[in-house]
Protein backbone atom coordinates (compact mmCIF):
# COMPACT_ATOMS: atom_id res chain seq x y z
CA MET A 1 -16.71 6.61 -12.53
CA ALA A 2 -18.44 8.77 -9.71
CA THR A 3 -22.48 6.96 -8.18
CA THR A 4 -24.52 8.20 -5.79
CA ALA A 5 -26.45 4.78 -6.13
CA PRO A 6 -27.33 3.32 -2.71
CA ASN A 7 -24.95 0.39 -1.15
CA TYR A 8 -22.26 1.48 -3.43
CA SER A 9 -18.68 1.60 -1.89
CA PRO A 10 -15.60 2.15 -3.65
CA GLY A 11 -13.12 -0.28 -3.00
CA LEU A 12 -15.52 -2.17 -0.54
CA GLU A 13 -14.59 0.26 1.88
CA GLY A 14 -16.84 -1.01 5.00
CA VAL A 15 -18.27 -3.70 3.27
CA ILE A 16 -18.72 -6.96 5.02
CA ALA A 17 -17.83 -10.06 2.89
CA GLY A 18 -17.43 -12.80 5.51
CA ILE A 19 -17.10 -14.02 9.25
CA SER A 20 -13.76 -15.05 10.10
CA THR A 21 -11.75 -16.15 13.49
CA ILE A 22 -8.69 -15.78 12.44
CA SER A 23 -7.77 -12.06 13.12
CA ASP A 24 -9.25 -8.96 14.06
CA ILE A 25 -8.18 -5.25 13.71
CA ASP A 26 -9.28 -3.15 17.23
CA VAL A 27 -9.71 -0.02 15.27
CA GLU A 28 -10.28 2.03 18.78
CA ALA A 29 -7.02 0.77 20.18
CA SER A 30 -4.99 0.55 17.45
CA ARG A 31 -4.53 -3.33 18.25
CA LEU A 32 -3.66 -6.32 15.71
CA ILE A 33 -4.92 -9.53 17.26
CA TYR A 34 -4.12 -12.80 15.90
CA ARG A 35 -6.66 -16.02 17.39
CA GLY A 36 -6.89 -13.73 20.12
CA TYR A 37 -3.52 -12.84 20.87
CA ASP A 38 -2.06 -9.32 20.74
CA VAL A 39 0.67 -9.01 17.73
CA HIS A 40 3.01 -7.22 20.32
CA GLU A 41 3.10 -10.33 22.81
CA LEU A 42 3.48 -12.66 19.58
CA ALA A 43 6.41 -10.24 17.98
CA LYS A 44 8.54 -9.87 21.56
CA GLN A 45 7.94 -13.02 23.36
CA GLY A 46 6.89 -15.64 20.34
CA SER A 47 8.21 -16.73 16.96
CA PHE A 48 6.95 -17.03 13.48
CA GLU A 49 6.87 -20.40 13.68
CA GLU A 50 4.85 -20.00 16.55
CA THR A 51 2.59 -17.36 15.02
CA ALA A 52 2.30 -19.49 11.65
CA TYR A 53 1.15 -22.66 14.21
CA LEU A 54 -1.56 -20.57 15.41
CA LEU A 55 -2.95 -19.18 12.63
CA LEU A 56 -3.08 -22.68 10.67
CA HIS A 57 -4.13 -24.60 13.85
CA GLY A 58 -6.49 -21.84 15.97
CA THR A 59 -3.84 -22.47 19.17
CA LEU A 60 -0.26 -21.64 20.37
CA PRO A 61 1.31 -24.82 20.19
CA THR A 62 2.84 -26.76 23.13
CA GLN A 63 6.86 -26.89 23.00
CA THR A 64 5.82 -30.67 21.63
CA GLU A 65 4.03 -29.55 19.16
CA LEU A 66 6.04 -26.78 18.31
CA ASP A 67 9.44 -29.22 18.09
CA HIS A 68 7.18 -31.50 15.53
CA PHE A 69 6.16 -28.20 13.63
CA HIS A 70 9.88 -27.31 12.88
CA GLN A 71 10.60 -30.59 11.92
CA THR A 72 7.86 -31.17 9.49
CA LEU A 73 9.07 -27.54 8.08
CA ALA A 74 12.50 -28.70 7.98
CA GLY A 75 11.91 -31.46 5.47
CA GLU A 76 10.22 -29.36 3.41
CA TYR A 77 12.22 -26.66 2.90
CA GLU A 78 13.94 -28.02 -0.43
CA VAL A 79 12.23 -27.55 -3.26
CA PRO A 80 12.20 -29.85 -6.77
CA ASP A 81 15.05 -28.92 -8.81
CA TYR A 82 13.20 -27.81 -11.79
CA ILE A 83 12.03 -25.04 -9.70
CA TYR A 84 15.87 -23.76 -10.05
CA ASP A 85 15.59 -24.56 -13.84
CA ILE A 86 12.60 -22.27 -14.24
CA PHE A 87 14.43 -19.76 -12.33
CA ARG A 88 17.27 -20.16 -14.80
CA ALA A 89 14.91 -19.98 -17.50
CA THR A 90 13.23 -16.91 -16.68
CA PRO A 91 14.05 -13.49 -17.93
CA LYS A 92 16.47 -11.31 -15.57
CA ASN A 93 14.58 -8.65 -15.63
CA ALA A 94 11.99 -10.33 -13.38
CA HIS A 95 10.87 -8.80 -10.77
CA PRO A 96 10.89 -11.33 -8.05
CA MET A 97 7.27 -10.94 -7.17
CA ASP A 98 6.71 -12.37 -10.80
CA GLN A 99 9.12 -15.21 -10.04
CA LEU A 100 7.42 -15.88 -6.91
CA LYS A 101 4.01 -16.29 -8.86
CA VAL A 102 5.38 -18.92 -11.35
CA ALA A 103 7.42 -20.80 -8.73
CA VAL A 104 4.23 -21.14 -6.47
CA GLY A 105 2.38 -22.14 -9.62
CA ALA A 106 4.54 -24.92 -10.83
CA LEU A 107 4.87 -26.01 -7.51
CA ALA A 108 1.74 -27.35 -7.03
CA PRO A 109 1.80 -30.39 -9.15
CA SER A 110 4.33 -31.55 -7.23
CA ASP A 111 2.79 -31.73 -3.75
CA PRO A 112 1.89 -35.24 -2.93
CA ASP A 113 -1.97 -33.80 -2.32
CA TYR A 114 -2.10 -32.16 -5.72
CA SER A 115 -5.12 -34.61 -6.37
CA ALA A 116 -6.51 -33.92 -3.14
CA SER A 117 -10.53 -32.08 -3.30
CA PRO A 118 -10.12 -28.45 -2.63
CA THR A 119 -11.86 -29.07 -0.02
CA ASP A 120 -9.86 -31.52 1.85
CA ARG A 121 -8.93 -29.58 5.46
CA ASP A 122 -6.03 -31.93 6.46
CA ALA A 123 -4.77 -32.22 2.67
CA ASN A 124 -5.07 -28.22 2.67
CA LEU A 125 -3.22 -27.69 6.14
CA ARG A 126 -0.84 -30.04 4.83
CA LYS A 127 -0.17 -27.78 1.44
CA ALA A 128 0.00 -25.06 3.54
CA VAL A 129 2.95 -26.27 5.99
CA ARG A 130 4.77 -27.16 2.81
CA MET A 131 4.57 -23.76 0.91
CA THR A 132 5.36 -21.98 4.49
CA ALA A 133 8.41 -23.77 4.17
CA LYS A 134 9.43 -23.37 0.82
CA MET A 135 8.63 -19.58 0.21
CA GLY A 136 12.06 -18.23 2.36
CA ASN A 137 13.83 -20.53 -0.74
CA LEU A 138 11.73 -19.87 -3.73
CA VAL A 139 12.84 -16.00 -2.56
CA ALA A 140 16.53 -16.46 -1.53
CA ASN A 141 17.60 -18.54 -4.59
CA GLY A 142 15.22 -16.85 -7.03
CA TRP A 143 17.01 -13.93 -6.46
CA ARG A 144 20.35 -16.04 -6.53
CA ILE A 145 19.98 -17.38 -9.80
CA ALA A 146 18.78 -14.32 -11.24
CA HIS A 147 22.06 -12.46 -10.01
CA ASP A 148 24.38 -15.73 -11.49
CA GLN A 149 25.36 -17.15 -8.39
CA GLU A 150 24.90 -20.84 -7.04
CA VAL A 151 21.51 -22.18 -5.05
CA VAL A 152 22.50 -22.34 -1.84
CA LYS A 153 20.67 -25.06 0.11
CA PRO A 154 18.20 -24.81 2.73
CA ASP A 155 19.92 -26.26 6.45
CA GLY A 156 17.14 -28.38 7.95
CA SER A 157 18.67 -27.19 11.56
CA LEU A 158 17.80 -23.32 11.09
CA ASN A 159 14.61 -21.87 11.60
CA ILE A 160 12.44 -19.79 8.58
CA ALA A 161 14.46 -16.41 9.24
CA GLN A 162 17.39 -17.77 9.93
CA ASN A 163 17.15 -19.99 6.53
CA PHE A 164 16.35 -16.89 4.34
CA LEU A 165 19.24 -15.08 5.30
CA TYR A 166 21.58 -17.66 5.16
CA MET A 167 20.75 -19.11 1.44
CA LEU A 168 20.34 -14.97 0.63
CA ASN A 169 23.59 -14.43 1.54
CA GLY A 170 25.76 -17.77 1.89
CA THR A 171 26.75 -17.13 5.31
CA LYS A 172 24.71 -18.33 8.96
CA PRO A 173 23.09 -14.84 9.90
CA GLU A 174 24.26 -12.79 13.20
CA GLU A 175 21.09 -13.05 16.06
CA PHE A 176 20.02 -9.43 15.83
CA ALA A 177 19.71 -9.62 12.03
CA TRP A 178 17.88 -13.16 11.88
CA LYS A 179 15.69 -12.02 15.30
CA ALA A 180 14.70 -8.81 13.32
CA ILE A 181 13.49 -10.52 10.21
CA ASP A 182 11.33 -13.11 12.47
CA THR A 183 9.99 -10.37 14.12
CA SER A 184 8.79 -8.74 11.08
CA LEU A 185 7.54 -12.24 9.92
CA VAL A 186 5.31 -12.46 12.80
CA LEU A 187 4.26 -8.54 12.04
CA TYR A 188 3.26 -9.53 8.58
CA ALA A 189 1.59 -12.69 8.82
CA GLU A 190 -1.90 -11.38 9.00
CA HIS A 191 -4.10 -8.82 8.58
CA GLY A 192 -7.84 -9.78 8.11
CA PHE A 193 -9.91 -9.25 4.60
CA ASN A 194 -6.87 -7.00 3.17
CA ALA A 195 -6.50 -7.24 -1.06
CA SER A 196 -4.25 -10.10 -1.53
CA THR A 197 -5.70 -12.49 1.38
CA PHE A 198 -9.52 -11.17 -0.05
CA ALA A 199 -7.77 -12.27 -3.69
CA ALA A 200 -7.14 -15.48 -2.31
CA ARG A 201 -10.44 -16.51 -0.40
CA VAL A 202 -12.63 -15.34 -3.88
CA THR A 203 -9.86 -17.71 -5.91
CA VAL A 204 -10.60 -20.86 -3.92
CA SER A 205 -13.99 -20.00 -3.46
CA SER A 206 -14.78 -20.85 -6.99
CA LEU A 207 -13.45 -24.25 -5.55
CA SER A 208 -9.46 -23.73 -7.17
CA ASP A 209 -6.66 -24.92 -5.26
CA ILE A 210 -5.04 -22.85 -2.26
CA TYR A 211 -1.87 -23.10 -5.09
CA SER A 212 -3.80 -20.81 -7.34
CA GLY A 213 -5.02 -18.79 -4.47
CA VAL A 214 -2.07 -17.63 -3.42
CA VAL A 215 -0.72 -17.30 -7.11
CA SER A 216 -3.69 -14.81 -6.90
CA ALA A 217 -2.47 -13.23 -4.04
CA ILE A 218 0.88 -12.60 -4.73
CA GLY A 219 -0.27 -10.93 -7.91
CA THR A 220 -2.12 -8.54 -5.64
CA LEU A 221 0.49 -8.14 -2.85
CA LYS A 222 2.49 -6.85 -5.61
CA GLY A 223 0.85 -3.38 -5.96
CA ASN A 224 2.37 -0.26 -4.98
CA LEU A 225 -0.68 0.38 -2.68
CA HIS A 226 -0.23 -3.10 -0.50
CA GLY A 227 3.15 -4.90 -0.35
CA GLY A 228 4.99 -2.78 -2.48
CA ALA A 229 4.40 0.02 -0.53
CA ASN A 230 7.73 -0.80 1.83
CA GLU A 231 9.80 -0.85 -1.60
CA LYS A 232 8.39 2.60 -2.32
CA ALA A 233 9.33 3.79 1.02
CA MET A 234 12.73 3.17 0.65
CA GLU A 235 12.93 4.12 -2.71
CA MET A 236 11.60 8.10 -1.58
CA LEU A 237 14.13 7.75 1.24
CA MET A 238 16.92 7.07 -0.93
CA GLU A 239 15.56 9.78 -2.97
CA ILE A 240 15.34 12.65 -0.48
CA GLY A 241 18.86 10.84 0.37
CA SER A 242 20.31 13.64 3.35
CA VAL A 243 19.09 14.50 6.51
CA GLU A 244 18.94 18.34 5.38
CA ASN A 245 16.27 17.51 2.44
CA ALA A 246 13.61 15.56 4.39
CA GLU A 247 11.73 18.00 5.81
CA PRO A 248 11.86 20.56 2.22
CA PHE A 249 11.29 17.31 0.41
CA ILE A 250 8.29 16.17 2.18
CA ARG A 251 7.07 19.79 2.52
CA ASP A 252 7.31 19.91 -1.57
CA ALA A 253 5.58 16.70 -1.96
CA LEU A 254 1.91 17.76 -0.08
CA THR A 255 2.33 21.12 -1.59
CA HIS A 256 1.88 19.25 -4.66
CA LYS A 257 -0.37 16.69 -3.85
CA LYS A 258 2.21 13.85 -3.76
CA LYS A 259 1.59 10.68 -2.64
CA ILE A 260 3.96 9.64 0.64
CA MET A 261 4.67 6.20 0.54
CA GLY A 262 4.01 4.48 3.99
CA PHE A 263 1.78 6.77 6.08
CA GLY A 264 -1.38 6.37 6.95
CA HIS A 265 -3.62 2.68 6.65
CA ARG A 266 -7.53 2.50 5.75
CA GLU A 267 -7.52 0.20 8.90
CA TYR A 268 -6.26 2.54 11.63
CA ARG A 269 -7.57 5.75 12.89
CA ILE A 270 -5.29 6.51 15.84
CA SER A 271 -1.91 4.21 14.48
CA ASP A 272 -0.60 1.11 12.83
CA SER A 273 -0.54 -1.50 16.23
CA ARG A 274 2.86 -2.56 14.41
CA ALA A 275 5.37 0.50 13.10
CA GLY A 276 6.29 1.03 16.99
CA ILE A 277 7.91 -2.79 17.08
CA MET A 278 9.19 -2.24 13.57
CA GLY A 279 10.71 1.18 13.65
CA GLU A 280 12.79 0.27 17.44
CA LEU A 281 14.14 -2.88 15.00
CA GLY A 282 14.71 -0.22 12.38
CA LYS A 283 16.73 2.32 14.63
CA GLU A 284 18.67 -0.30 15.89
CA ALA A 285 19.66 -1.95 12.83
CA ALA A 286 20.69 1.08 11.32
CA ARG A 287 23.07 1.76 14.45
CA ARG A 288 24.18 -1.59 14.06
CA SER A 289 24.78 -0.89 10.34
CA GLY A 290 26.95 1.96 11.16
CA ASN A 291 24.78 4.51 8.70
CA GLU A 292 21.78 5.37 10.94
CA LYS A 293 20.70 8.52 8.36
CA TRP A 294 18.43 6.44 7.22
CA ALA A 295 16.56 6.15 10.68
CA GLU A 296 17.36 9.80 11.17
CA ILE A 297 15.86 10.78 7.68
CA ALA A 298 12.34 8.53 8.76
CA ASP A 299 11.96 10.33 12.13
CA ILE A 300 11.73 13.76 10.26
CA CYS A 301 9.50 12.62 7.68
CA GLU A 302 7.52 11.18 10.50
CA ARG A 303 7.10 14.30 12.46
CA VAL A 304 6.35 16.42 9.81
CA MET A 305 3.73 13.87 8.13
CA LYS A 306 1.96 14.15 11.88
CA GLU A 307 2.41 18.20 11.77
CA GLU A 308 0.82 18.80 8.49
CA LYS A 309 -1.33 15.53 7.84
CA ASN A 310 -2.19 14.24 11.73
CA LEU A 311 -1.09 10.95 9.14
CA PHE A 312 1.25 8.32 10.99
CA PRO A 313 3.90 5.01 9.40
CA ASN A 314 2.26 2.04 8.84
CA VAL A 315 4.56 -1.03 9.26
CA ASP A 316 6.12 -0.81 5.75
CA PHE A 317 7.50 2.70 6.70
CA PRO A 318 9.87 1.19 9.55
CA ALA A 319 10.25 -2.13 7.64
CA ALA A 320 11.73 -0.72 4.66
CA TYR A 321 15.25 1.24 6.26
CA ALA A 322 15.75 -1.81 8.54
CA TYR A 323 15.59 -4.56 5.86
CA TYR A 324 17.81 -1.92 3.81
CA SER A 325 20.34 -1.60 7.25
CA LEU A 326 20.60 -5.36 7.04
CA GLY A 327 21.79 -5.48 3.47
CA VAL A 328 18.48 -6.74 2.32
CA PRO A 329 18.07 -6.05 -1.49
CA ILE A 330 15.07 -3.54 -2.27
CA PRO A 331 13.35 -5.85 -4.57
CA LEU A 332 12.94 -8.67 -1.92
CA TYR A 333 10.87 -6.16 0.72
CA THR A 334 7.55 -7.10 -0.60
CA PRO A 335 8.81 -10.81 -1.69
CA ILE A 336 9.76 -10.81 2.59
CA PHE A 337 5.91 -10.05 3.22
CA ALA A 338 5.01 -12.84 1.15
CA ILE A 339 7.10 -15.77 3.17
CA SER A 340 5.08 -14.35 6.31
CA ARG A 341 1.49 -13.62 4.77
CA ILE A 342 1.57 -16.88 3.13
CA THR A 343 0.67 -18.25 6.51
CA GLY A 344 -2.61 -15.53 6.82
CA TRP A 345 -3.65 -16.58 3.38
CA CYS A 346 -3.82 -20.03 3.80
CA ALA A 347 -5.27 -19.93 6.65
CA ASN A 348 -8.23 -17.58 5.50
CA MET A 349 -8.23 -20.23 2.54
CA ILE A 350 -9.02 -23.12 4.56
CA GLU A 351 -11.39 -21.07 6.11
CA GLN A 352 -13.54 -19.91 3.08
CA LEU A 353 -13.22 -23.38 2.15
CA ASP A 354 -15.10 -24.99 5.47
CA ASP A 355 -18.11 -23.30 4.90
CA ASN A 356 -17.59 -22.21 1.26
CA ARG A 357 -19.81 -19.96 -1.27
CA ILE A 358 -18.66 -18.88 -4.55
CA MET A 359 -17.83 -14.88 -4.42
CA ARG A 360 -20.12 -13.01 -6.64
CA PRO A 361 -21.10 -9.51 -6.08
CA LYS A 362 -23.20 -7.07 -8.33
CA SER A 363 -22.22 -4.05 -9.86
CA ILE A 364 -23.88 -1.47 -10.96
CA TYR A 365 -24.15 -0.61 -14.58
CA ALA A 366 -23.51 2.99 -15.76
CA GLY A 367 -23.10 2.52 -18.89
CA GLU A 368 -25.26 3.02 -22.63
CA SER A 369 -28.72 2.48 -22.26
CA LEU A 370 -30.29 -0.06 -24.55
CA ARG A 371 -29.42 0.59 -28.51
CA ASP A 372 -30.57 -0.60 -31.85
CA TYR A 373 -27.77 -2.59 -33.31
CA VAL A 374 -27.20 -1.05 -36.61
CA PRO A 375 -25.39 -3.25 -39.64
CA ILE A 376 -21.92 -2.35 -40.01
CA ALA A 377 -22.74 -1.02 -43.58
CA ASN A 378 -24.93 1.67 -42.37
CA ARG A 379 -22.67 3.04 -39.41
CA HIS A 380 -21.39 6.31 -40.08
């Protein structure tokens, strides 16, 4: 319902809902910064584990700190057997994001800090590390169980990206494949007060626990306008089907005002700073797969969207064909997003709880004016 009331902003666009030290989106420079570091440098020179440490602790780790962090994560990769039983009991048509919601919620009681106060910062950091370690296991083995495959237990010698592909496929991944996944995890790890992060902060602002906050965030991320955009982008590329069909498909969609998934972003004016890096990986992944069609179709889509709408691809668009070229099933694209964003969610929830006030915005009432109650016998 439209309204011209003052201070109303649909979708809370432009509304400041908090102060954060975690990430910053430089709109003019189209630059994304984590704790003061440009995401380009983190993606090209660092690793997901370094990024996770940075988001959770506020500083980049020394080699000794990173080694210890790796050891801690490796010790937390495994999940209780009852989680695998829950996957087996879940209907096979469940979307992996719904599997993930159930699994994260069920994990909470097995956490050694389950009974800790929701404002216990040290306990929340330990919970965050445990969830970061376990997410790849939940996604990969949830998929395997849903497809009648045996569970592949994690390998403590592998990092998170390597382990995800190992558990998903049952074989150790090639270096390019796991590094491509690792880079995407860095790029997806944090992005300000996006919908899922804000949902997580709202949840814990009531002094609920951070597992509950993650469940809220996963449910929000599932939406096609948020994390689900990467799945829809690949589905669109597959519908286009051929290089020859790409330009007429996009022009027809624009003529009929259909939404083109993977283009534009509310927070950027010029470009999504992450899309360039992911696009390079997507093209290389396509080349290595022996099928460069998807990258070629994507290039045409990008050109037409630039010409007609001056819109740029966001990170979901190249991530879609990069994952596809790496052999990752389409329904797992958004769960991979969650494997990464768990770090940003947890950093934000911890920050929220450090100086908490329950989220309670106002709304504008646009319903009926005051009416008299009419006894049911007199209603017509």
